[in-house]
């Protein structure tokens, strides 16, 4: 028994673009958060609070960099999947059209 999967490459490509926008927003927010912790550290005037604020700023920045990197990888993979699905769909439409001349290609 076979499986049928309906994939819409255009929708997958839209998801990829949306992921990129969200990751851009996360990246911008991370920069703002880092600057906020550095400002807090500067206002602390040295000592333990200053060190803690700087450390927290670095930790937040590092964690957000990982999230951004993973998000960009996911976005690239999603875009590649969209292109692959579009290619498979076009090839199947060509084959189907050669077997059934009345077929017009594309999705049902």
PDB file of N, CA and C in Angstrom:
ATOM      1  N   UNK A   1       0.842  -1.169   0.000  1.00  0.00           N
ATOM      2  CA  UNK A   1       0.000   0.000   0.000  1.00  0.00           C
ATOM      3  C   UNK A   1       0.894   1.241   0.000  1.00  0.00           C
ATOM      4  N   UNK A   2       0.538   2.207  -0.789  1.00  0.00           N
ATOM      5  CA  UNK A   2       1.325   3.431  -0.870  1.00  0.00           C
ATOM      6  C   UNK A   2       0.700   4.555  -0.064  1.00  0.00           C
ATOM      7  N   UNK A   3       1.447   5.595   0.075  1.00  0.00           N
ATOM      8  CA  UNK A   3       0.976   6.773   0.789  1.00  0.00           C
ATOM      9  C   UNK A   3       0.925   7.949  -0.169  1.00  0.00           C
ATOM     10  N   UNK A   4      -0.051   8.790   0.026  1.00  0.00           N
ATOM     11  CA  UNK A   4      -0.159  10.001  -0.781  1.00  0.00           C
ATOM     12  C   UNK A   4       0.060  11.183   0.153  1.00  0.00           C
ATOM     13  N   UNK A   5       0.965  12.040  -0.246  1.00  0.00           N
ATOM     14  CA  UNK A   5       1.246  13.240   0.539  1.00  0.00           C
ATOM     15  C   UNK A   5       1.039  14.441  -0.372  1.00  0.00           C
ATOM     16  N   UNK A   6       0.163  15.325   0.032  1.00  0.00           N
ATOM     17  CA  UNK A   6      -0.052  16.545  -0.736  1.00  0.00           C
ATOM     18  C   UNK A   6       0.806  17.647  -0.128  1.00  0.00           C
ATOM     19  N   UNK A   7       1.736  18.115  -0.915  1.00  0.00           N
ATOM     20  CA  UNK A   7       2.630  19.180  -0.471  1.00  0.00           C
ATOM     21  C   UNK A   7       2.437  20.366  -1.406  1.00  0.00           C
ATOM     22  N   UNK A   8       2.359  21.524  -0.829  1.00  0.00           N
ATOM     23  CA  UNK A   8       2.228  22.741  -1.622  1.00  0.00           C
ATOM     24  C   UNK A   8       3.531  23.525  -1.481  1.00  0.00           C
ATOM     25  N   UNK A   9       4.425  23.405  -2.476  1.00  0.00           N
ATOM     26  CA  UNK A   9       5.737  24.066  -2.381  1.00  0.00           C
ATOM     27  C   UNK A   9       5.642  25.565  -2.095  1.00  0.00           C
ATOM     28  N   UNK A  10       4.599  26.202  -2.630  1.00  0.00           N
ATOM     29  CA  UNK A  10       4.465  27.651  -2.394  1.00  0.00           C
ATOM     30  C   UNK A  10       4.253  27.926  -0.910  1.00  0.00           C
ATOM     31  N   UNK A  11       3.433  27.094  -0.272  1.00  0.00           N
ATOM     32  CA  UNK A  11       3.172  27.286   1.160  1.00  0.00           C
ATOM     33  C   UNK A  11       4.415  26.994   1.990  1.00  0.00           C
ATOM     34  N   UNK A  12       5.153  25.974   1.590  1.00  0.00           N
ATOM     35  CA  UNK A  12       6.397  25.651   2.303  1.00  0.00           C
ATOM     36  C   UNK A  12       7.384  26.813   2.167  1.00  0.00           C
ATOM     37  N   UNK A  13       7.453  27.400   0.973  1.00  0.00           N
ATOM     38  CA  UNK A  13       8.340  28.555   0.763  1.00  0.00           C
ATOM     39  C   UNK A  13       7.889  29.742   1.618  1.00  0.00           C
ATOM     40  N   UNK A  14       6.584  29.939   1.762  1.00  0.00           N
ATOM     41  CA  UNK A  14       6.075  31.012   2.617  1.00  0.00           C
ATOM     42  C   UNK A  14       6.458  30.789   4.074  1.00  0.00           C
ATOM     43  N   UNK A  15       6.410  29.543   4.515  1.00  0.00           N
ATOM     44  CA  UNK A  15       6.813  29.220   5.887  1.00  0.00           C
ATOM     45  C   UNK A  15       8.290  29.536   6.075  1.00  0.00           C
ATOM     46  N   UNK A  16       9.094  29.206   5.088  1.00  0.00           N
ATOM     47  CA  UNK A  16      10.525  29.503   5.166  1.00  0.00           C
ATOM     48  C   UNK A  16      10.762  31.002   5.299  1.00  0.00           C
ATOM     49  N   UNK A  17      10.059  31.790   4.499  1.00  0.00           N
ATOM     50  CA  UNK A  17      10.205  33.248   4.559  1.00  0.00           C
ATOM     51  C   UNK A  17       9.737  33.788   5.914  1.00  0.00           C
ATOM     52  N   UNK A  18       8.652  33.231   6.433  1.00  0.00           N
ATOM     53  CA  UNK A  18       8.150  33.659   7.743  1.00  0.00           C
ATOM     54  C   UNK A  18       9.158  33.327   8.839  1.00  0.00           C
ATOM     55  N   UNK A  19       9.775  32.149   8.744  1.00  0.00           N
ATOM     56  CA  UNK A  19      10.807  31.773   9.720  1.00  0.00           C
ATOM     57  C   UNK A  19      11.956  32.767   9.693  1.00  0.00           C
ATOM     58  N   UNK A  20      12.365  33.157   8.498  1.00  0.00           N
ATOM     59  CA  UNK A  20      13.466  34.118   8.388  1.00  0.00           C
ATOM     60  C   UNK A  20      13.119  35.450   9.041  1.00  0.00           C
ATOM     61  N   UNK A  21      11.879  35.891   8.835  1.00  0.00           N
ATOM     62  CA  UNK A  21      11.452  37.155   9.461  1.00  0.00           C
ATOM     63  C   UNK A  21      11.468  37.041  10.983  1.00  0.00           C
ATOM     64  N   UNK A  22      10.947  35.943  11.501  1.00  0.00           N
ATOM     65  CA  UNK A  22      10.912  35.746  12.957  1.00  0.00           C
ATOM     66  C   UNK A  22      12.328  35.689  13.518  1.00  0.00           C
ATOM     67  N   UNK A  23      13.203  34.971  12.845  1.00  0.00           N
ATOM     68  CA  UNK A  23      14.589  34.861  13.315  1.00  0.00           C
ATOM     69  C   UNK A  23      15.261  36.234  13.296  1.00  0.00           C
ATOM     70  N   UNK A  24      14.964  37.039  12.289  1.00  0.00           N
ATOM     71  CA  UNK A  24      15.502  38.406  12.254  1.00  0.00           C
ATOM     72  C   UNK A  24      15.039  39.213  13.456  1.00  0.00           C
ATOM     73  N   UNK A  25      13.780  39.023  13.837  1.00  0.00           N
ATOM     74  CA  UNK A  25      13.242  39.726  15.004  1.00  0.00           C
ATOM     75  C   UNK A  25      13.890  39.225  16.290  1.00  0.00           C
ATOM     76  N   UNK A  26      14.106  37.915  16.382  1.00  0.00           N
ATOM     77  CA  UNK A  26      14.773  37.351  17.563  1.00  0.00           C
ATOM     78  C   UNK A  26      16.192  37.897  17.662  1.00  0.00           C
ATOM     79  N   UNK A  27      16.870  37.960  16.529  1.00  0.00           N
ATOM     80  CA  UNK A  27      18.239  38.472  16.506  1.00  0.00           C
ATOM     81  C   UNK A  27      18.284  39.937  16.962  1.00  0.00           C
ATOM     82  N   UNK A  28      17.358  40.738  16.462  1.00  0.00           N
ATOM     83  CA  UNK A  28      17.307  42.150  16.860  1.00  0.00           C
ATOM     84  C   UNK A  28      16.993  42.283  18.351  1.00  0.00           C
ATOM     85  N   UNK A  29      16.069  41.476  18.836  1.00  0.00           N
ATOM     86  CA  UNK A  29      15.718  41.507  20.259  1.00  0.00           C
ATOM     87  C   UNK A  29      16.908  41.096  21.117  1.00  0.00           C
ATOM     88  N   UNK A  30      17.663  40.124  20.642  1.00  0.00           N
ATOM     89  CA  UNK A  30      18.853  39.688  21.378  1.00  0.00           C
ATOM     90  C   UNK A  30      19.865  40.803  21.511  1.00  0.00           C
ATOM     91  N   UNK A  31      20.042  41.572  20.441  1.00  0.00           N
ATOM     92  CA  UNK A  31      20.959  42.702  20.497  1.00  0.00           C
ATOM     93  C   UNK A  31      20.499  43.744  21.505  1.00  0.00           C
ATOM     94  N   UNK A  32      19.204  44.018  21.513  1.00  0.00           N
ATOM     95  CA  UNK A  32      18.656  44.983  22.474  1.00  0.00           C
ATOM     96  C   UNK A  32      18.801  44.484  23.914  1.00  0.00           C
ATOM     97  N   UNK A  33      18.548  43.209  24.105  1.00  0.00           N
ATOM     98  CA  UNK A  33      18.660  42.628  25.441  1.00  0.00           C
ATOM     99  C   UNK A  33      20.104  42.684  25.948  1.00  0.00           C
ATOM    100  N   UNK A  34      21.029  42.380  25.077  1.00  0.00           N
ATOM    101  CA  UNK A  34      22.449  42.452  25.453  1.00  0.00           C
ATOM    102  C   UNK A  34      22.839  43.867  25.850  1.00  0.00           C
ATOM    103  N   UNK A  35      22.413  44.827  25.035  1.00  0.00           N
ATOM    104  CA  UNK A  35      22.726  46.228  25.355  1.00  0.00           C
ATOM    105  C   UNK A  35      22.091  46.654  26.678  1.00  0.00           C
ATOM    106  N   UNK A  36      20.880  46.165  26.942  1.00  0.00           N
ATOM    107  CA  UNK A  36      20.205  46.511  28.196  1.00  0.00           C
ATOM    108  C   UNK A  36      20.991  45.990  29.401  1.00  0.00           C
ATOM    109  N   UNK A  37      21.503  44.760  29.298  1.00  0.00           N
ATOM    110  CA  UNK A  37      22.290  44.206  30.410  1.00  0.00           C
ATOM    111  C   UNK A  37      23.603  44.954  30.581  1.00  0.00           C
ATOM    112  N   UNK A  38      24.206  45.362  29.460  1.00  0.00           N
ATOM    113  CA  UNK A  38      25.445  46.147  29.553  1.00  0.00           C
ATOM    114  C   UNK A  38      25.183  47.511  30.193  1.00  0.00           C
ATOM    115  N   UNK A  39      24.046  48.113  29.856  1.00  0.00           N
ATOM    116  CA  UNK A  39      23.681  49.385  30.494  1.00  0.00           C
ATOM    117  C   UNK A  39      23.446  49.192  31.988  1.00  0.00           C
ATOM    118  N   UNK A  40      22.776  48.084  32.333  1.00  0.00           N
ATOM    119  CA  UNK A  40      22.531  47.788  33.747  1.00  0.00           C
ATOM    120  C   UNK A  40      23.861  47.585  34.468  1.00  0.00           C
ATOM    121  N   UNK A  41      24.785  46.895  33.815  1.00  0.00           N
ATOM    122  CA  UNK A  41      26.101  46.664  34.417  1.00  0.00           C
ATOM    123  C   UNK A  41      26.828  47.981  34.611  1.00  0.00           C
ATOM    124  N   UNK A  42      26.754  48.854  33.600  1.00  0.00           N
ATOM    125  CA  UNK A  42      27.410  50.152  33.694  1.00  0.00           C
ATOM    126  C   UNK A  42      26.832  50.989  34.824  1.00  0.00           C
ATOM    127  N   UNK A  43      25.524  50.866  35.037  1.00  0.00           N
ATOM    128  CA  UNK A  43      24.872  51.612  36.106  1.00  0.00           C
ATOM    129  C   UNK A  43      25.158  51.048  37.481  1.00  0.00           C
ATOM    130  N   UNK A  44      25.593  49.804  37.526  1.00  0.00           N
ATOM    131  CA  UNK A  44      25.862  49.164  38.811  1.00  0.00           C
ATOM    132  C   UNK A  44      27.139  49.698  39.444  1.00  0.00           C
ATOM    133  N   UNK A  45      28.001  50.290  38.646  1.00  0.00           N
ATOM    134  CA  UNK A  45      29.211  50.911  39.189  1.00  0.00           C
ATOM    135  C   UNK A  45      30.247  49.930  39.694  1.00  0.00           C
ATOM    136  N   UNK A  46      30.355  48.792  39.081  1.00  0.00           N
ATOM    137  CA  UNK A  46      31.371  47.818  39.485  1.00  0.00           C
ATOM    138  C   UNK A  46      30.854  46.860  40.534  1.00  0.00           C
ATOM    139  N   UNK A  47      31.693  45.992  40.964  1.00  0.00           N
ATOM    140  CA  UNK A  47      31.328  45.047  42.013  1.00  0.00           C
ATOM    141  C   UNK A  47      30.575  43.840  41.492  1.00  0.00           C
ATOM    142  N   UNK A  48      29.956  43.122  42.420  1.00  0.00           N
ATOM    143  CA  UNK A  48      29.283  41.867  42.091  1.00  0.00           C
ATOM    144  C   UNK A  48      28.099  42.057  41.144  1.00  0.00           C
ATOM    145  N   UNK A  49      27.310  43.096  41.367  1.00  0.00           N
ATOM    146  CA  UNK A  49      26.146  43.338  40.513  1.00  0.00           C
ATOM    147  C   UNK A  49      26.575  43.624  39.077  1.00  0.00           C
ATOM    148  N   UNK A  50      27.627  44.390  38.904  1.00  0.00           N
ATOM    149  CA  UNK A  50      28.177  44.694  37.582  1.00  0.00           C
ATOM    150  C   UNK A  50      28.584  43.396  36.888  1.00  0.00           C
ATOM    151  N   UNK A  51      29.346  42.573  37.586  1.00  0.00           N
ATOM    152  CA  UNK A  51      29.814  41.306  37.013  1.00  0.00           C
ATOM    153  C   UNK A  51      28.661  40.379  36.664  1.00  0.00           C
ATOM    154  N   UNK A  52      27.664  40.324  37.555  1.00  0.00           N
ATOM    155  CA  UNK A  52      26.508  39.455  37.315  1.00  0.00           C
ATOM    156  C   UNK A  52      25.725  39.925  36.088  1.00  0.00           C
ATOM    157  N   UNK A  53      25.529  41.233  35.954  1.00  0.00           N
ATOM    158  CA  UNK A  53      24.788  41.770  34.807  1.00  0.00           C
ATOM    159  C   UNK A  53      25.535  41.495  33.506  1.00  0.00           C
ATOM    160  N   UNK A  54      26.845  41.690  33.510  1.00  0.00           N
ATOM    161  CA  UNK A  54      27.634  41.412  32.299  1.00  0.00           C
ATOM    162  C   UNK A  54      27.589  39.919  31.947  1.00  0.00           C
ATOM    163  N   UNK A  55      27.704  39.082  32.972  1.00  0.00           N
ATOM    164  CA  UNK A  55      27.654  37.639  32.757  1.00  0.00           C
ATOM    165  C   UNK A  55      26.299  37.217  32.194  1.00  0.00           C
ATOM    166  N   UNK A  56      25.241  37.765  32.768  1.00  0.00           N
ATOM    167  CA  UNK A  56      23.905  37.440  32.281  1.00  0.00           C
ATOM    168  C   UNK A  56      23.720  37.934  30.848  1.00  0.00           C
ATOM    169  N   UNK A  57      24.225  39.106  30.547  1.00  0.00           N
ATOM    170  CA  UNK A  57      24.153  39.627  29.182  1.00  0.00           C
ATOM    171  C   UNK A  57      24.847  38.718  28.187  1.00  0.00           C
ATOM    172  N   UNK A  58      26.040  38.230  28.560  1.00  0.00           N
ATOM    173  CA  UNK A  58      26.779  37.309  27.674  1.00  0.00           C
ATOM    174  C   UNK A  58      26.026  35.989  27.518  1.00  0.00           C
ATOM    175  N   UNK A  59      25.463  35.481  28.623  1.00  0.00           N
ATOM    176  CA  UNK A  59      24.713  34.216  28.567  1.00  0.00           C
ATOM    177  C   UNK A  59      23.490  34.340  27.667  1.00  0.00           C
ATOM    178  N   UNK A  60      22.747  35.436  27.843  1.00  0.00           N
ATOM    179  CA  UNK A  60      21.561  35.663  27.002  1.00  0.00           C
ATOM    180  C   UNK A  60      21.947  35.781  25.535  1.00  0.00           C
ATOM    181  N   UNK A  61      23.003  36.536  25.267  1.00  0.00           N
ATOM    182  CA  UNK A  61      23.458  36.721  23.883  1.00  0.00           C
ATOM    183  C   UNK A  61      23.863  35.384  23.273  1.00  0.00           C
ATOM    184  N   UNK A  62      24.590  34.568  24.043  1.00  0.00           N
ATOM    185  CA  UNK A  62      25.017  33.262  23.536  1.00  0.00           C
ATOM    186  C   UNK A  62      23.841  32.343  23.250  1.00  0.00           C
ATOM    187  N   UNK A  63      22.867  32.331  24.166  1.00  0.00           N
ATOM    188  CA  UNK A  63      21.694  31.475  23.974  1.00  0.00           C
ATOM    189  C   UNK A  63      20.887  31.923  22.756  1.00  0.00           C
ATOM    190  N   UNK A  64      20.727  33.232  22.601  1.00  0.00           N
ATOM    191  CA  UNK A  64      19.972  33.734  21.454  1.00  0.00           C
ATOM    192  C   UNK A  64      20.716  33.495  20.148  1.00  0.00           C
ATOM    193  N   UNK A  65      22.045  33.547  20.178  1.00  0.00           N
ATOM    194  CA  UNK A  65      22.816  33.222  18.963  1.00  0.00           C
ATOM    195  C   UNK A  65      22.555  31.784  18.540  1.00  0.00           C
ATOM    196  N   UNK A  66      22.470  30.882  19.510  1.00  0.00           N
ATOM    197  CA  UNK A  66      22.167  29.480  19.190  1.00  0.00           C
ATOM    198  C   UNK A  66      20.780  29.350  18.584  1.00  0.00           C
ATOM    199  N   UNK A  67      19.810  30.055  19.165  1.00  0.00           N
ATOM    200  CA  UNK A  67      18.445  30.012  18.639  1.00  0.00           C
ATOM    201  C   UNK A  67      18.414  30.563  17.221  1.00  0.00           C
ATOM    202  N   UNK A  68      19.099  31.667  16.994  1.00  0.00           N
ATOM    203  CA  UNK A  68      19.144  32.273  15.660  1.00  0.00           C
ATOM    204  C   UNK A  68      19.800  31.308  14.668  1.00  0.00           C
ATOM    205  N   UNK A  69      20.913  30.704  15.073  1.00  0.00           N
ATOM    206  CA  UNK A  69      21.590  29.747  14.186  1.00  0.00           C
ATOM    207  C   UNK A  69      20.704  28.563  13.834  1.00  0.00           C
ATOM    208  N   UNK A  70      20.020  28.015  14.836  1.00  0.00           N
ATOM    209  CA  UNK A  70      19.123  26.884  14.591  1.00  0.00           C
ATOM    210  C   UNK A  70      17.946  27.305  13.714  1.00  0.00           C
ATOM    211  N   UNK A  71      17.419  28.501  13.965  1.00  0.00           N
ATOM    212  CA  UNK A  71      16.303  28.995  13.167  1.00  0.00           C
ATOM    213  C   UNK A  71      16.685  29.215  11.718  1.00  0.00           C
ATOM    214  N   UNK A  72      17.876  29.758  11.500  1.00  0.00           N
ATOM    215  CA  UNK A  72      18.335  29.965  10.125  1.00  0.00           C
ATOM    216  C   UNK A  72      18.560  28.635   9.416  1.00  0.00           C
ATOM    217  N   UNK A  73      19.077  27.646  10.140  1.00  0.00           N
ATOM    218  CA  UNK A  73      19.252  26.311   9.552  1.00  0.00           C
ATOM    219  C   UNK A  73      17.898  25.716   9.167  1.00  0.00           C
ATOM    220  N   UNK A  74      16.923  25.874  10.054  1.00  0.00           N
ATOM    221  CA  UNK A  74      15.582  25.368   9.770  1.00  0.00           C
ATOM    222  C   UNK A  74      14.977  26.091   8.571  1.00  0.00           C
ATOM    223  N   UNK A  75      15.174  27.395   8.496  1.00  0.00           N
ATOM    224  CA  UNK A  75      14.655  28.176   7.376  1.00  0.00           C
ATOM    225  C   UNK A  75      15.286  27.722   6.060  1.00  0.00           C
ATOM    226  N   UNK A  76      16.609  27.519   6.068  1.00  0.00           N
ATOM    227  CA  UNK A  76      17.295  27.050   4.850  1.00  0.00           C
ATOM    228  C   UNK A  76      16.795  25.664   4.443  1.00  0.00           C
ATOM    229  N   UNK A  77      16.636  24.789   5.422  1.00  0.00           N
ATOM    230  CA  UNK A  77      16.161  23.434   5.125  1.00  0.00           C
ATOM    231  C   UNK A  77      14.734  23.474   4.571  1.00  0.00           C
ATOM    232  N   UNK A  78      13.910  24.344   5.118  1.00  0.00           N
ATOM    233  CA  UNK A  78      12.540  24.477   4.647  1.00  0.00           C
ATOM    234  C   UNK A  78      12.510  25.009   3.217  1.00  0.00           C
ATOM    235  N   UNK A  79      13.357  25.980   2.929  1.00  0.00           N
ATOM    236  CA  UNK A  79      13.439  26.521   1.563  1.00  0.00           C
ATOM    237  C   UNK A  79      13.919  25.447   0.591  1.00  0.00           C
ATOM    238  N   UNK A  80      14.892  24.656   1.010  1.00  0.00           N
ATOM    239  CA  UNK A  80      15.392  23.567   0.150  1.00  0.00           C
ATOM    240  C   UNK A  80      14.300  22.530  -0.084  1.00  0.00           C
ATOM    241  N   UNK A  81      13.527  22.226   0.958  1.00  0.00           N
ATOM    242  CA  UNK A  81      12.424  21.268   0.812  1.00  0.00           C
ATOM    243  C   UNK A  81      11.386  21.797  -0.177  1.00  0.00           C
ATOM    244  N   UNK A  82      11.078  23.089  -0.081  1.00  0.00           N
ATOM    245  CA  UNK A  82      10.112  23.687  -1.013  1.00  0.00           C
ATOM    246  C   UNK A  82      10.600  23.540  -2.453  1.00  0.00           C
ATOM    247  N   UNK A  83      11.880  23.824  -2.671  1.00  0.00           N
ATOM    248  CA  UNK A  83      12.443  23.700  -4.025  1.00  0.00           C
ATOM    249  C   UNK A  83      12.416  22.246  -4.492  1.00  0.00           C
ATOM    250  N   UNK A  84      12.746  21.328  -3.595  1.00  0.00           N
ATOM    251  CA  UNK A  84      12.722  19.903  -3.953  1.00  0.00           C
ATOM    252  C   UNK A  84      11.306  19.435  -4.290  1.00  0.00           C
ATOM    253  N   UNK A  85      10.333  19.837  -3.460  1.00  0.00           N
ATOM    254  CA  UNK A  85       8.946  19.454  -3.727  1.00  0.00           C
ATOM    255  C   UNK A  85       8.473  20.021  -5.059  1.00  0.00           C
ATOM    256  N   UNK A  86       8.834  21.259  -5.348  1.00  0.00           N
ATOM    257  CA  UNK A  86       8.444  21.875  -6.620  1.00  0.00           C
ATOM    258  C   UNK A  86       9.051  21.107  -7.797  1.00  0.00           C
ATOM    259  N   UNK A  87      10.314  20.712  -7.652  1.00  0.00           N
ATOM    260  CA  UNK A  87      10.988  19.959  -8.716  1.00  0.00           C
ATOM    261  C   UNK A  87      10.306  18.602  -8.926  1.00  0.00           C
ATOM    262  N   UNK A  88      10.014  17.896  -7.837  1.00  0.00           N
ATOM    263  CA  UNK A  88       9.351  16.590  -7.942  1.00  0.00           C
ATOM    264  C   UNK A  88       7.969  16.756  -8.572  1.00  0.00           C
ATOM    265  N   UNK A  89       7.254  17.776  -8.136  1.00  0.00           N
ATOM    266  CA  UNK A  89       5.922  18.016  -8.683  1.00  0.00           C
ATOM    267  C   UNK A  89       5.991  18.277 -10.188  1.00  0.00           C
ATOM    268  N   UNK A  90       6.950  19.091 -10.622  1.00  0.00           N
ATOM    269  CA  UNK A  90       7.097  19.392 -12.049  1.00  0.00           C
ATOM    270  C   UNK A  90       7.459  18.129 -12.841  1.00  0.00           C
ATOM    271  N   UNK A  91       8.349  17.323 -12.289  1.00  0.00           N
ATOM    272  CA  UNK A  91       8.739  16.097 -12.990  1.00  0.00           C
ATOM    273  C   UNK A  91       7.586  15.107 -13.060  1.00  0.00           C
ATOM    274  N   UNK A  92       6.837  14.984 -11.971  1.00  0.00           N
ATOM    275  CA  UNK A  92       5.682  14.083 -11.987  1.00  0.00           C
ATOM    276  C   UNK A  92       4.628  14.568 -12.975  1.00  0.00           C
ATOM    277  N   UNK A  93       4.411  15.873 -13.036  1.00  0.00           N
ATOM    278  CA  UNK A  93       3.439  16.423 -13.989  1.00  0.00           C
ATOM    279  C   UNK A  93       3.879  16.132 -15.420  1.00  0.00           C
ATOM    280  N   UNK A  94       5.186  16.234 -15.684  1.00  0.00           N
ATOM    281  CA  UNK A  94       5.712  15.947 -17.021  1.00  0.00           C
ATOM    282  C   UNK A  94       5.500  14.482 -17.374  1.00  0.00           C
ATOM    283  N   UNK A  95       5.854  13.609 -16.441  1.00  0.00           N
ATOM    284  CA  UNK A  95       5.682  12.161 -16.678  1.00  0.00           C
ATOM    285  C   UNK A  95       4.200  11.837 -16.844  1.00  0.00           C
ATOM    286  N   UNK A  96       3.379  12.358 -15.945  1.00  0.00           N
ATOM    287  CA  UNK A  96       1.949  12.090 -16.015  1.00  0.00           C
ATOM    288  C   UNK A  96       1.382  12.606 -17.337  1.00  0.00           C
ATOM    289  N   UNK A  97       1.826  13.783 -17.765  1.00  0.00           N
ATOM    290  CA  UNK A  97       1.359  14.344 -19.028  1.00  0.00           C
ATOM    291  C   UNK A  97       1.772  13.516 -20.227  1.00  0.00           C
ATOM    292  N   UNK A  98       2.950  12.873 -20.160  1.00  0.00           N
ATOM    293  CA  UNK A  98       3.391  12.041 -21.285  1.00  0.00           C
ATOM    294  C   UNK A  98       2.628  10.717 -21.307  1.00  0.00           C
ATOM    295  N   UNK A  99       2.196  10.243 -20.150  1.00  0.00           N
ATOM    296  CA  UNK A  99       1.420   8.992 -20.085  1.00  0.00           C
ATOM    297  C   UNK A  99      -0.035   9.264 -20.463  1.00  0.00           C
ATOM    298  N   UNK A 100      -0.550  10.372 -19.977  1.00  0.00           N
ATOM    299  CA  UNK A 100      -1.947  10.743 -20.204  1.00  0.00           C
ATOM    300  C   UNK A 100      -1.975  12.104 -20.892  1.00  0.00           C
ATOM    301  N   UNK A 101      -1.971  12.129 -22.227  1.00  0.00           N
ATOM    302  CA  UNK A 101      -1.879  13.389 -22.967  1.00  0.00           C
ATOM    303  C   UNK A 101      -2.958  14.416 -22.591  1.00  0.00           C
ATOM    304  N   UNK A 102      -4.094  13.972 -22.080  1.00  0.00           N
ATOM    305  CA  UNK A 102      -5.162  14.915 -21.726  1.00  0.00           C
ATOM    306  C   UNK A 102      -4.856  15.634 -20.413  1.00  0.00           C
ATOM    307  N   UNK A 103      -3.880  15.118 -19.660  1.00  0.00           N
ATOM    308  CA  UNK A 103      -3.562  15.726 -18.368  1.00  0.00           C
ATOM    309  C   UNK A 103      -2.913  17.079 -18.591  1.00  0.00           C
ATOM    310  N   UNK A 104      -3.197  18.024 -17.710  1.00  0.00           N
ATOM    311  CA  UNK A 104      -2.671  19.372 -17.848  1.00  0.00           C
ATOM    312  C   UNK A 104      -1.514  19.655 -16.882  1.00  0.00           C
ATOM    313  N   UNK A 105      -1.082  18.694 -16.087  1.00  0.00           N
ATOM    314  CA  UNK A 105       0.008  18.924 -15.137  1.00  0.00           C
ATOM    315  C   UNK A 105      -0.481  19.657 -13.909  1.00  0.00           C
ATOM    316  N   UNK A 106       0.365  19.721 -12.925  1.00  0.00           N
ATOM    317  CA  UNK A 106       0.006  20.413 -11.681  1.00  0.00           C
ATOM    318  C   UNK A 106      -0.787  19.529 -10.745  1.00  0.00           C
ATOM    319  N   UNK A 107      -1.329  20.132  -9.736  1.00  0.00           N
ATOM    320  CA  UNK A 107      -2.081  19.399  -8.718  1.00  0.00           C
ATOM    321  C   UNK A 107      -3.522  19.215  -9.113  1.00  0.00           C
ATOM    322  N   UNK A 108      -4.139  18.173  -8.579  1.00  0.00           N
ATOM    323  CA  UNK A 108      -5.580  17.980  -8.823  1.00  0.00           C
ATOM    324  C   UNK A 108      -6.372  19.048  -8.080  1.00  0.00           C
TER     325      UNK A 108
END
